[in-house]
Amino acid sequence: MSLTYENEDLTMNKTDLVTEISKHSGLTKTDAEKSLNAFIKSIENALAAKEEIRLVGFGTFSTSNRKAGEGRNPRTGEVIKIAASTLPKFKAGKNLKDLVNGKK
């Protein structure tokens, strides 16, 4: 599979991804972009509701809670309080790991 990137640093941006979706699905670029936007929004909404999204073989999107703590300002050395937060998380599935590692 040959990929086409707008930039030359092998970083796929949203426009590149829309082009790939269009190429592999037969959708127009407009419909591919609508589909991608709907996919992203669905994941955002699920994660905001602390739900988990499992795409078998691809991976799992979830959230993780980070406790409050203390840190230091690297410039001044002053102790600062770091608030508790919820972070988005992605864990790759077996098929994706195998593909990335050249096993498929």
PDB file of N, CA and C in Angstrom:
ATOM      1  N   MET A   1       0.854  -1.169   0.000  1.00  0.00           N
ATOM      2  CA  MET A   1       0.000   0.000   0.000  1.00  0.00           C
ATOM      3  C   MET A   1       0.898   1.229   0.000  1.00  0.00           C
ATOM      4  N   SER A   2       0.706   2.107  -0.947  1.00  0.00           N
ATOM      5  CA  SER A   2       1.510   3.329  -0.962  1.00  0.00           C
ATOM      6  C   SER A   2       0.667   4.477  -0.442  1.00  0.00           C
ATOM      7  N   LEU A   3       1.265   5.216   0.465  1.00  0.00           N
ATOM      8  CA  LEU A   3       0.566   6.340   1.068  1.00  0.00           C
ATOM      9  C   LEU A   3       1.113   7.631   0.492  1.00  0.00           C
ATOM     10  N   THR A   4       0.259   8.623   0.378  1.00  0.00           N
ATOM     11  CA  THR A   4       0.663   9.927  -0.118  1.00  0.00           C
ATOM     12  C   THR A   4       0.502  10.932   1.007  1.00  0.00           C
ATOM     13  N   TYR A   5       1.570  11.671   1.290  1.00  0.00           N
ATOM     14  CA  TYR A   5       1.545  12.658   2.354  1.00  0.00           C
ATOM     15  C   TYR A   5       1.722  14.044   1.774  1.00  0.00           C
ATOM     16  N   GLU A   6       0.988  15.012   2.330  1.00  0.00           N
ATOM     17  CA  GLU A   6       1.156  16.405   1.922  1.00  0.00           C
ATOM     18  C   GLU A   6       2.515  16.919   2.348  1.00  0.00           C
ATOM     19  N   ASN A   7       2.960  16.505   3.534  1.00  0.00           N
ATOM     20  CA  ASN A   7       4.254  16.939   4.039  1.00  0.00           C
ATOM     21  C   ASN A   7       5.262  15.823   3.803  1.00  0.00           C
ATOM     22  N   GLU A   8       6.511  16.083   4.037  1.00  0.00           N
ATOM     23  CA  GLU A   8       7.548  15.101   3.701  1.00  0.00           C
ATOM     24  C   GLU A   8       8.140  14.408   4.915  1.00  0.00           C
ATOM     25  N   ASP A   9       7.587  14.593   6.110  1.00  0.00           N
ATOM     26  CA  ASP A   9       8.179  13.978   7.296  1.00  0.00           C
ATOM     27  C   ASP A   9       7.461  12.695   7.724  1.00  0.00           C
ATOM     28  N   LEU A  10       6.716  12.077   6.814  1.00  0.00           N
ATOM     29  CA  LEU A  10       5.984  10.838   7.071  1.00  0.00           C
ATOM     30  C   LEU A  10       5.007  10.951   8.234  1.00  0.00           C
ATOM     31  N   THR A  11       4.429  12.117   8.372  1.00  0.00           N
ATOM     32  CA  THR A  11       3.375  12.336   9.349  1.00  0.00           C
ATOM     33  C   THR A  11       2.068  12.493   8.598  1.00  0.00           C
ATOM     34  N   MET A  12       1.121  11.612   8.884  1.00  0.00           N
ATOM     35  CA  MET A  12      -0.164  11.694   8.205  1.00  0.00           C
ATOM     36  C   MET A  12      -1.032  12.706   8.938  1.00  0.00           C
ATOM     37  N   ASN A  13      -1.516  13.703   8.215  1.00  0.00           N
ATOM     38  CA  ASN A  13      -2.434  14.670   8.819  1.00  0.00           C
ATOM     39  C   ASN A  13      -3.868  14.304   8.434  1.00  0.00           C
ATOM     40  N   LYS A  14      -4.817  15.101   8.865  1.00  0.00           N
ATOM     41  CA  LYS A  14      -6.224  14.788   8.620  1.00  0.00           C
ATOM     42  C   LYS A  14      -6.539  14.744   7.124  1.00  0.00           C
ATOM     43  N   THR A  15      -5.981  15.665   6.365  1.00  0.00           N
ATOM     44  CA  THR A  15      -6.219  15.684   4.916  1.00  0.00           C
ATOM     45  C   THR A  15      -5.705  14.401   4.269  1.00  0.00           C
ATOM     46  N   ASP A  16      -4.512  13.956   4.683  1.00  0.00           N
ATOM     47  CA  ASP A  16      -3.947  12.712   4.162  1.00  0.00           C
ATOM     48  C   ASP A  16      -4.847  11.525   4.514  1.00  0.00           C
ATOM     49  N   LEU A  17      -5.342  11.501   5.750  1.00  0.00           N
ATOM     50  CA  LEU A  17      -6.191  10.408   6.196  1.00  0.00           C
ATOM     51  C   LEU A  17      -7.508  10.393   5.420  1.00  0.00           C
ATOM     52  N   VAL A  18      -8.084  11.549   5.183  1.00  0.00           N
ATOM     53  CA  VAL A  18      -9.316  11.636   4.382  1.00  0.00           C
ATOM     54  C   VAL A  18      -9.057  11.080   2.977  1.00  0.00           C
ATOM     55  N   THR A  19      -7.922  11.418   2.396  1.00  0.00           N
ATOM     56  CA  THR A  19      -7.560  10.908   1.062  1.00  0.00           C
ATOM     57  C   THR A  19      -7.463   9.384   1.079  1.00  0.00           C
ATOM     58  N   GLU A  20      -6.823   8.821   2.103  1.00  0.00           N
ATOM     59  CA  GLU A  20      -6.687   7.365   2.218  1.00  0.00           C
ATOM     60  C   GLU A  20      -8.043   6.695   2.404  1.00  0.00           C
ATOM     61  N   ILE A  21      -8.891   7.266   3.247  1.00  0.00           N
ATOM     62  CA  ILE A  21     -10.228   6.704   3.455  1.00  0.00           C
ATOM     63  C   ILE A  21     -11.007   6.718   2.149  1.00  0.00           C
ATOM     64  N   SER A  22     -10.923   7.821   1.432  1.00  0.00           N
ATOM     65  CA  SER A  22     -11.611   7.948   0.152  1.00  0.00           C
ATOM     66  C   SER A  22     -11.113   6.899  -0.844  1.00  0.00           C
ATOM     67  N   LYS A  23      -9.799   6.740  -0.898  1.00  0.00           N
ATOM     68  CA  LYS A  23      -9.184   5.806  -1.841  1.00  0.00           C
ATOM     69  C   LYS A  23      -9.599   4.360  -1.535  1.00  0.00           C
ATOM     70  N   HIS A  24      -9.650   3.979  -0.261  1.00  0.00           N
ATOM     71  CA  HIS A  24      -9.921   2.589   0.107  1.00  0.00           C
ATOM     72  C   HIS A  24     -11.404   2.262   0.227  1.00  0.00           C
ATOM     73  N   SER A  25     -12.254   3.274   0.362  1.00  0.00           N
ATOM     74  CA  SER A  25     -13.674   3.009   0.556  1.00  0.00           C
ATOM     75  C   SER A  25     -14.521   3.299  -0.676  1.00  0.00           C
ATOM     76  N   GLY A  26     -13.973   4.072  -1.606  1.00  0.00           N
ATOM     77  CA  GLY A  26     -14.768   4.476  -2.754  1.00  0.00           C
ATOM     78  C   GLY A  26     -15.659   5.674  -2.466  1.00  0.00           C
ATOM     79  N   LEU A  27     -15.564   6.228  -1.256  1.00  0.00           N
ATOM     80  CA  LEU A  27     -16.329   7.422  -0.916  1.00  0.00           C
ATOM     81  C   LEU A  27     -15.677   8.647  -1.546  1.00  0.00           C
ATOM     82  N   THR A  28     -16.480   9.675  -1.755  1.00  0.00           N
ATOM     83  CA  THR A  28     -15.879  10.940  -2.185  1.00  0.00           C
ATOM     84  C   THR A  28     -15.083  11.492  -1.008  1.00  0.00           C
ATOM     85  N   LYS A  29     -14.181  12.420  -1.281  1.00  0.00           N
ATOM     86  CA  LYS A  29     -13.402  13.019  -0.194  1.00  0.00           C
ATOM     87  C   LYS A  29     -14.317  13.738   0.789  1.00  0.00           C
ATOM     88  N   THR A  30     -15.382  14.352   0.298  1.00  0.00           N
ATOM     89  CA  THR A  30     -16.338  15.042   1.167  1.00  0.00           C
ATOM     90  C   THR A  30     -17.011  14.045   2.107  1.00  0.00           C
ATOM     91  N   ASP A  31     -17.467  12.909   1.561  1.00  0.00           N
ATOM     92  CA  ASP A  31     -18.116  11.895   2.391  1.00  0.00           C
ATOM     93  C   ASP A  31     -17.116  11.234   3.331  1.00  0.00           C
ATOM     94  N   ALA A  32     -15.892  11.024   2.865  1.00  0.00           N
ATOM     95  CA  ALA A  32     -14.849  10.441   3.713  1.00  0.00           C
ATOM     96  C   ALA A  32     -14.552  11.368   4.891  1.00  0.00           C
ATOM     97  N   GLU A  33     -14.509  12.675   4.637  1.00  0.00           N
ATOM     98  CA  GLU A  33     -14.260  13.637   5.718  1.00  0.00           C
ATOM     99  C   GLU A  33     -15.421  13.647   6.710  1.00  0.00           C
ATOM    100  N   LYS A  34     -16.654  13.586   6.207  1.00  0.00           N
ATOM    101  CA  LYS A  34     -17.820  13.528   7.093  1.00  0.00           C
ATOM    102  C   LYS A  34     -17.761  12.272   7.962  1.00  0.00           C
ATOM    103  N   SER A  35     -17.382  11.149   7.360  1.00  0.00           N
ATOM    104  CA  SER A  35     -17.284   9.890   8.104  1.00  0.00           C
ATOM    105  C   SER A  35     -16.202   9.966   9.171  1.00  0.00           C
ATOM    106  N   LEU A  36     -15.050  10.503   8.808  1.00  0.00           N
ATOM    107  CA  LEU A  36     -13.958  10.644   9.770  1.00  0.00           C
ATOM    108  C   LEU A  36     -14.362  11.572  10.910  1.00  0.00           C
ATOM    109  N   ASN A  37     -14.989  12.697  10.585  1.00  0.00           N
ATOM    110  CA  ASN A  37     -15.442  13.630  11.622  1.00  0.00           C
ATOM    111  C   ASN A  37     -16.451  12.969  12.561  1.00  0.00           C
ATOM    112  N   ALA A  38     -17.357  12.162  12.004  1.00  0.00           N
ATOM    113  CA  ALA A  38     -18.352  11.459  12.820  1.00  0.00           C
ATOM    114  C   ALA A  38     -17.671  10.432  13.721  1.00  0.00           C
ATOM    115  N   PHE A  39     -16.677   9.729  13.197  1.00  0.00           N
ATOM    116  CA  PHE A  39     -15.917   8.749  13.976  1.00  0.00           C
ATOM    117  C   PHE A  39     -15.212   9.433  15.145  1.00  0.00           C
ATOM    118  N   ILE A  40     -14.529  10.523  14.861  1.00  0.00           N
ATOM    119  CA  ILE A  40     -13.797  11.263  15.900  1.00  0.00           C
ATOM    120  C   ILE A  40     -14.769  11.786  16.955  1.00  0.00           C
ATOM    121  N   LYS A  41     -15.871  12.373  16.524  1.00  0.00           N
ATOM    122  CA  LYS A  41     -16.856  12.933  17.461  1.00  0.00           C
ATOM    123  C   LYS A  41     -17.452  11.828  18.334  1.00  0.00           C
ATOM    124  N   SER A  42     -17.713  10.673  17.755  1.00  0.00           N
ATOM    125  CA  SER A  42     -18.263   9.547  18.515  1.00  0.00           C
ATOM    126  C   SER A  42     -17.293   9.093  19.597  1.00  0.00           C
ATOM    127  N   ILE A  43     -16.021   9.028  19.269  1.00  0.00           N
ATOM    128  CA  ILE A  43     -15.010   8.643  20.257  1.00  0.00           C
ATOM    129  C   ILE A  43     -14.894   9.720  21.332  1.00  0.00           C
ATOM    130  N   GLU A  44     -14.875  10.984  20.934  1.00  0.00           N
ATOM    131  CA  GLU A  44     -14.808  12.077  21.914  1.00  0.00           C
ATOM    132  C   GLU A  44     -15.980  12.016  22.885  1.00  0.00           C
ATOM    133  N   ASN A  45     -17.188  11.822  22.364  1.00  0.00           N
ATOM    134  CA  ASN A  45     -18.381  11.777  23.214  1.00  0.00           C
ATOM    135  C   ASN A  45     -18.341  10.591  24.177  1.00  0.00           C
ATOM    136  N   ALA A  46     -17.916   9.434  23.674  1.00  0.00           N
ATOM    137  CA  ALA A  46     -17.835   8.244  24.525  1.00  0.00           C
ATOM    138  C   ALA A  46     -16.794   8.440  25.625  1.00  0.00           C
ATOM    139  N   LEU A  47     -15.637   8.974  25.286  1.00  0.00           N
ATOM    140  CA  LEU A  47     -14.595   9.188  26.292  1.00  0.00           C
ATOM    141  C   LEU A  47     -15.012  10.244  27.308  1.00  0.00           C
ATOM    142  N   ALA A  48     -15.705  11.281  26.859  1.00  0.00           N
ATOM    143  CA  ALA A  48     -16.195  12.315  27.775  1.00  0.00           C
ATOM    144  C   ALA A  48     -17.177  11.715  28.775  1.00  0.00           C
ATOM    145  N   ALA A  49     -17.905  10.675  28.360  1.00  0.00           N
ATOM    146  CA  ALA A  49     -18.852   9.983  29.236  1.00  0.00           C
ATOM    147  C   ALA A  49     -18.171   8.836  29.988  1.00  0.00           C
ATOM    148  N   LYS A  50     -16.838   8.775  29.901  1.00  0.00           N
ATOM    149  CA  LYS A  50     -16.024   7.741  30.574  1.00  0.00           C
ATOM    150  C   LYS A  50     -16.347   6.330  30.075  1.00  0.00           C
ATOM    151  N   GLU A  51     -16.808   6.224  28.827  1.00  0.00           N
ATOM    152  CA  GLU A  51     -17.079   4.924  28.224  1.00  0.00           C
ATOM    153  C   GLU A  51     -15.813   4.412  27.543  1.00  0.00           C
ATOM    154  N   GLU A  52     -15.785   3.106  27.293  1.00  0.00           N
ATOM    155  CA  GLU A  52     -14.653   2.478  26.618  1.00  0.00           C
ATOM    156  C   GLU A  52     -15.098   2.058  25.218  1.00  0.00           C
ATOM    157  N   ILE A  53     -14.235   2.247  24.230  1.00  0.00           N
ATOM    158  CA  ILE A  53     -14.541   1.860  22.852  1.00  0.00           C
ATOM    159  C   ILE A  53     -13.563   0.766  22.461  1.00  0.00           C
ATOM    160  N   ARG A  54     -14.084  -0.435  22.173  1.00  0.00           N
ATOM    161  CA  ARG A  54     -13.233  -1.569  21.787  1.00  0.00           C
ATOM    162  C   ARG A  54     -13.449  -1.880  20.322  1.00  0.00           C
ATOM    163  N   LEU A  55     -12.384  -1.796  19.567  1.00  0.00           N
ATOM    164  CA  LEU A  55     -12.405  -2.179  18.157  1.00  0.00           C
ATOM    165  C   LEU A  55     -11.516  -3.414  18.053  1.00  0.00           C
ATOM    166  N   VAL A  56     -12.132  -4.594  18.066  1.00  0.00           N
ATOM    167  CA  VAL A  56     -11.400  -5.852  18.142  1.00  0.00           C
ATOM    168  C   VAL A  56     -10.329  -5.920  17.056  1.00  0.00           C
ATOM    169  N   GLY A  57      -9.115  -6.234  17.465  1.00  0.00           N
ATOM    170  CA  GLY A  57      -7.983  -6.340  16.552  1.00  0.00           C
ATOM    171  C   GLY A  57      -7.262  -5.022  16.347  1.00  0.00           C
ATOM    172  N   PHE A  58      -7.980  -3.910  16.476  1.00  0.00           N
ATOM    173  CA  PHE A  58      -7.363  -2.592  16.276  1.00  0.00           C
ATOM    174  C   PHE A  58      -6.894  -2.011  17.596  1.00  0.00           C
ATOM    175  N   GLY A  59      -7.805  -1.885  18.564  1.00  0.00           N
ATOM    176  CA  GLY A  59      -7.406  -1.353  19.851  1.00  0.00           C
ATOM    177  C   GLY A  59      -8.578  -0.865  20.663  1.00  0.00           C
ATOM    178  N   THR A  60      -8.248  -0.340  21.850  1.00  0.00           N
ATOM    179  CA  THR A  60      -9.255   0.118  22.793  1.00  0.00           C
ATOM    180  C   THR A  60      -8.966   1.549  23.209  1.00  0.00           C
ATOM    181  N   PHE A  61      -9.981   2.393  23.088  1.00  0.00           N
ATOM    182  CA  PHE A  61      -9.917   3.767  23.579  1.00  0.00           C
ATOM    183  C   PHE A  61     -10.566   3.767  24.955  1.00  0.00           C
ATOM    184  N   SER A  62      -9.930   4.396  25.931  1.00  0.00           N
ATOM    185  CA  SER A  62     -10.499   4.468  27.273  1.00  0.00           C
ATOM    186  C   SER A  62      -9.976   5.722  27.965  1.00  0.00           C
ATOM    187  N   THR A  63     -10.352   5.867  29.230  1.00  0.00           N
ATOM    188  CA  THR A  63      -9.843   6.984  30.021  1.00  0.00           C
ATOM    189  C   THR A  63      -9.127   6.433  31.244  1.00  0.00           C
ATOM    190  N   SER A  64      -8.281   7.266  31.810  1.00  0.00           N
ATOM    191  CA  SER A  64      -7.520   6.902  32.988  1.00  0.00           C
ATOM    192  C   SER A  64      -7.500   8.106  33.921  1.00  0.00           C
ATOM    193  N   ASN A  65      -7.645   7.857  35.212  1.00  0.00           N
ATOM    194  CA  ASN A  65      -7.631   8.944  36.183  1.00  0.00           C
ATOM    195  C   ASN A  65      -6.221   9.149  36.731  1.00  0.00           C
ATOM    196  N   ARG A  66      -5.793  10.380  36.739  1.00  0.00           N
ATOM    197  CA  ARG A  66      -4.491  10.736  37.310  1.00  0.00           C
ATOM    198  C   ARG A  66      -4.754  11.461  38.620  1.00  0.00           C
ATOM    199  N   LYS A  67      -4.124  10.999  39.686  1.00  0.00           N
ATOM    200  CA  LYS A  67      -4.294  11.612  41.004  1.00  0.00           C
ATOM    201  C   LYS A  67      -3.632  12.982  41.044  1.00  0.00           C
ATOM    202  N   ALA A  68      -4.120  13.806  41.964  1.00  0.00           N
ATOM    203  CA  ALA A  68      -3.484  15.100  42.204  1.00  0.00           C
ATOM    204  C   ALA A  68      -2.114  14.839  42.831  1.00  0.00           C
ATOM    205  N   GLY A  69      -1.217  15.756  42.638  1.00  0.00           N
ATOM    206  CA  GLY A  69       0.113  15.588  43.213  1.00  0.00           C
ATOM    207  C   GLY A  69       0.865  16.902  43.252  1.00  0.00           C
ATOM    208  N   GLU A  70       2.120  16.801  43.550  1.00  0.00           N
ATOM    209  CA  GLU A  70       2.977  17.974  43.570  1.00  0.00           C
ATOM    210  C   GLU A  70       4.073  17.813  42.534  1.00  0.00           C
ATOM    211  N   GLY A  71       4.504  18.917  41.994  1.00  0.00           N
ATOM    212  CA  GLY A  71       5.601  18.942  41.048  1.00  0.00           C
ATOM    213  C   GLY A  71       6.467  20.143  41.349  1.00  0.00           C
ATOM    214  N   ARG A  72       7.471  20.329  40.526  1.00  0.00           N
ATOM    215  CA  ARG A  72       8.356  21.486  40.692  1.00  0.00           C
ATOM    216  C   ARG A  72       8.457  22.247  39.393  1.00  0.00           C
ATOM    217  N   ASN A  73       8.436  23.560  39.527  1.00  0.00           N
ATOM    218  CA  ASN A  73       8.682  24.414  38.377  1.00  0.00           C
ATOM    219  C   ASN A  73      10.152  24.248  38.033  1.00  0.00           C
ATOM    220  N   PRO A  74      10.477  23.768  36.817  1.00  0.00           N
ATOM    221  CA  PRO A  74      11.880  23.515  36.483  1.00  0.00           C
ATOM    222  C   PRO A  74      12.745  24.782  36.476  1.00  0.00           C
ATOM    223  N   ARG A  75      12.135  25.917  36.233  1.00  0.00           N
ATOM    224  CA  ARG A  75      12.893  27.172  36.193  1.00  0.00           C
ATOM    225  C   ARG A  75      13.249  27.697  37.581  1.00  0.00           C
ATOM    226  N   THR A  76      12.242  27.643  38.464  1.00  0.00           N
ATOM    227  CA  THR A  76      12.431  28.258  39.785  1.00  0.00           C
ATOM    228  C   THR A  76      12.630  27.243  40.898  1.00  0.00           C
ATOM    229  N   GLY A  77      12.261  25.989  40.650  1.00  0.00           N
ATOM    230  CA  GLY A  77      12.347  24.979  41.694  1.00  0.00           C
ATOM    231  C   GLY A  77      11.186  25.044  42.671  1.00  0.00           C
ATOM    232  N   GLU A  78      10.271  25.984  42.462  1.00  0.00           N
ATOM    233  CA  GLU A  78       9.126  26.168  43.352  1.00  0.00           C
ATOM    234  C   GLU A  78       8.182  24.962  43.256  1.00  0.00           C
ATOM    235  N   VAL A  79       7.682  24.504  44.407  1.00  0.00           N
ATOM    236  CA  VAL A  79       6.730  23.399  44.442  1.00  0.00           C
ATOM    237  C   VAL A  79       5.376  23.912  43.957  1.00  0.00           C
ATOM    238  N   ILE A  80       4.763  23.157  43.050  1.00  0.00           N
ATOM    239  CA  ILE A  80       3.446  23.528  42.531  1.00  0.00           C
ATOM    240  C   ILE A  80       2.495  22.349  42.703  1.00  0.00           C
ATOM    241  N   LYS A  81       1.217  22.650  42.830  1.00  0.00           N
ATOM    242  CA  LYS A  81       0.197  21.605  42.954  1.00  0.00           C
ATOM    243  C   LYS A  81      -0.308  21.257  41.554  1.00  0.00           C
ATOM    244  N   ILE A  82      -0.395  19.968  41.289  1.00  0.00           N
ATOM    245  CA  ILE A  82      -0.911  19.484  40.014  1.00  0.00           C
ATOM    246  C   ILE A  82      -2.281  18.872  40.293  1.00  0.00           C
ATOM    247  N   ALA A  83      -3.306  19.388  39.641  1.00  0.00           N
ATOM    248  CA  ALA A  83      -4.681  18.934  39.870  1.00  0.00           C
ATOM    249  C   ALA A  83      -4.890  17.527  39.315  1.00  0.00           C
ATOM    250  N   ALA A  84      -5.823  16.807  39.910  1.00  0.00           N
ATOM    251  CA  ALA A  84      -6.227  15.506  39.384  1.00  0.00           C
ATOM    252  C   ALA A  84      -6.847  15.727  38.011  1.00  0.00           C
ATOM    253  N   SER A  85      -6.711  14.739  37.135  1.00  0.00           N
ATOM    254  CA  SER A  85      -7.283  14.884  35.797  1.00  0.00           C
ATOM    255  C   SER A  85      -7.620  13.516  35.213  1.00  0.00           C
ATOM    256  N   THR A  86      -8.420  13.541  34.182  1.00  0.00           N
ATOM    257  CA  THR A  86      -8.767  12.335  33.440  1.00  0.00           C
ATOM    258  C   THR A  86      -8.092  12.431  32.076  1.00  0.00           C
ATOM    259  N   LEU A  87      -7.397  11.371  31.686  1.00  0.00           N
ATOM    260  CA  LEU A  87      -6.652  11.371  30.436  1.00  0.00           C
ATOM    261  C   LEU A  87      -7.230  10.353  29.453  1.00  0.00           C
ATOM    262  N   PRO A  88      -7.235  10.685  28.154  1.00  0.00           N
ATOM    263  CA  PRO A  88      -7.622   9.685  27.169  1.00  0.00           C
ATOM    264  C   PRO A  88      -6.469   8.695  27.001  1.00  0.00           C
ATOM    265  N   LYS A  89      -6.812   7.454  26.676  1.00  0.00           N
ATOM    266  CA  LYS A  89      -5.810   6.406  26.564  1.00  0.00           C
ATOM    267  C   LYS A  89      -6.155   5.530  25.356  1.00  0.00           C
ATOM    268  N   PHE A  90      -5.125   4.993  24.698  1.00  0.00           N
ATOM    269  CA  PHE A  90      -5.340   4.041  23.604  1.00  0.00           C
ATOM    270  C   PHE A  90      -4.400   2.870  23.803  1.00  0.00           C
ATOM    271  N   LYS A  91      -4.948   1.661  23.726  1.00  0.00           N
ATOM    272  CA  LYS A  91      -4.137   0.450  23.808  1.00  0.00           C
ATOM    273  C   LYS A  91      -4.328  -0.320  22.512  1.00  0.00           C
ATOM    274  N   ALA A  92      -3.238  -0.526  21.802  1.00  0.00           N
ATOM    275  CA  ALA A  92      -3.296  -1.214  20.509  1.00  0.00           C
ATOM    276  C   ALA A  92      -3.704  -2.673  20.697  1.00  0.00           C
ATOM    277  N   GLY A  93      -4.504  -3.173  19.750  1.00  0.00           N
ATOM    278  CA  GLY A  93      -4.907  -4.576  19.742  1.00  0.00           C
ATOM    279  C   GLY A  93      -3.849  -5.447  19.096  1.00  0.00           C
ATOM    280  N   LYS A  94      -3.977  -6.756  19.220  1.00  0.00           N
ATOM    281  CA  LYS A  94      -2.989  -7.699  18.726  1.00  0.00           C
ATOM    282  C   LYS A  94      -2.731  -7.552  17.224  1.00  0.00           C
ATOM    283  N   ASN A  95      -3.787  -7.459  16.422  1.00  0.00           N
ATOM    284  CA  ASN A  95      -3.592  -7.348  14.967  1.00  0.00           C
ATOM    285  C   ASN A  95      -2.795  -6.100  14.607  1.00  0.00           C
ATOM    286  N   LEU A  96      -3.089  -4.981  15.252  1.00  0.00           N
ATOM    287  CA  LEU A  96      -2.369  -3.737  14.980  1.00  0.00           C
ATOM    288  C   LEU A  96      -0.920  -3.860  15.416  1.00  0.00           C
ATOM    289  N   LYS A  97      -0.683  -4.429  16.589  1.00  0.00           N
ATOM    290  CA  LYS A  97       0.698  -4.626  17.065  1.00  0.00           C
ATOM    291  C   LYS A  97       1.484  -5.500  16.090  1.00  0.00           C
ATOM    292  N   ASP A  98       0.862  -6.591  15.654  1.00  0.00           N
ATOM    293  CA  ASP A  98       1.540  -7.510  14.714  1.00  0.00           C
ATOM    294  C   ASP A  98       1.852  -6.794  13.401  1.00  0.00           C
ATOM    295  N   LEU A  99       0.918  -6.021  12.890  1.00  0.00           N
ATOM    296  CA  LEU A  99       1.118  -5.302  11.639  1.00  0.00           C
ATOM    297  C   LEU A  99       2.275  -4.314  11.756  1.00  0.00           C
ATOM    298  N   VAL A 100       2.301  -3.552  12.847  1.00  0.00           N
ATOM    299  CA  VAL A 100       3.350  -2.555  13.069  1.00  0.00           C
ATOM    300  C   VAL A 100       4.713  -3.233  13.207  1.00  0.00           C
ATOM    301  N   ASN A 101       4.724  -4.421  13.770  1.00  0.00           N
ATOM    302  CA  ASN A 101       5.975  -5.158  13.979  1.00  0.00           C
ATOM    303  C   ASN A 101       6.347  -6.058  12.808  1.00  0.00           C
ATOM    304  N   GLY A 102       5.634  -5.909  11.663  1.00  0.00           N
ATOM    305  CA  GLY A 102       5.975  -6.653  10.456  1.00  0.00           C
ATOM    306  C   GLY A 102       5.625  -8.122  10.499  1.00  0.00           C
ATOM    307  N   LYS A 103       4.713  -8.517  11.367  1.00  0.00           N
ATOM    308  CA  LYS A 103       4.334  -9.929  11.489  1.00  0.00           C
ATOM    309  C   LYS A 103       3.164 -10.295  10.615  1.00  0.00           C
ATOM    310  N   LYS A 104       2.584  -9.330   9.899  1.00  0.00           N
ATOM    311  CA  LYS A 104       1.444  -9.625   9.001  1.00  0.00           C
ATOM    312  C   LYS A 104       1.676  -9.021   7.661  1.00  0.00           C
TER     313      LYS A 104
END
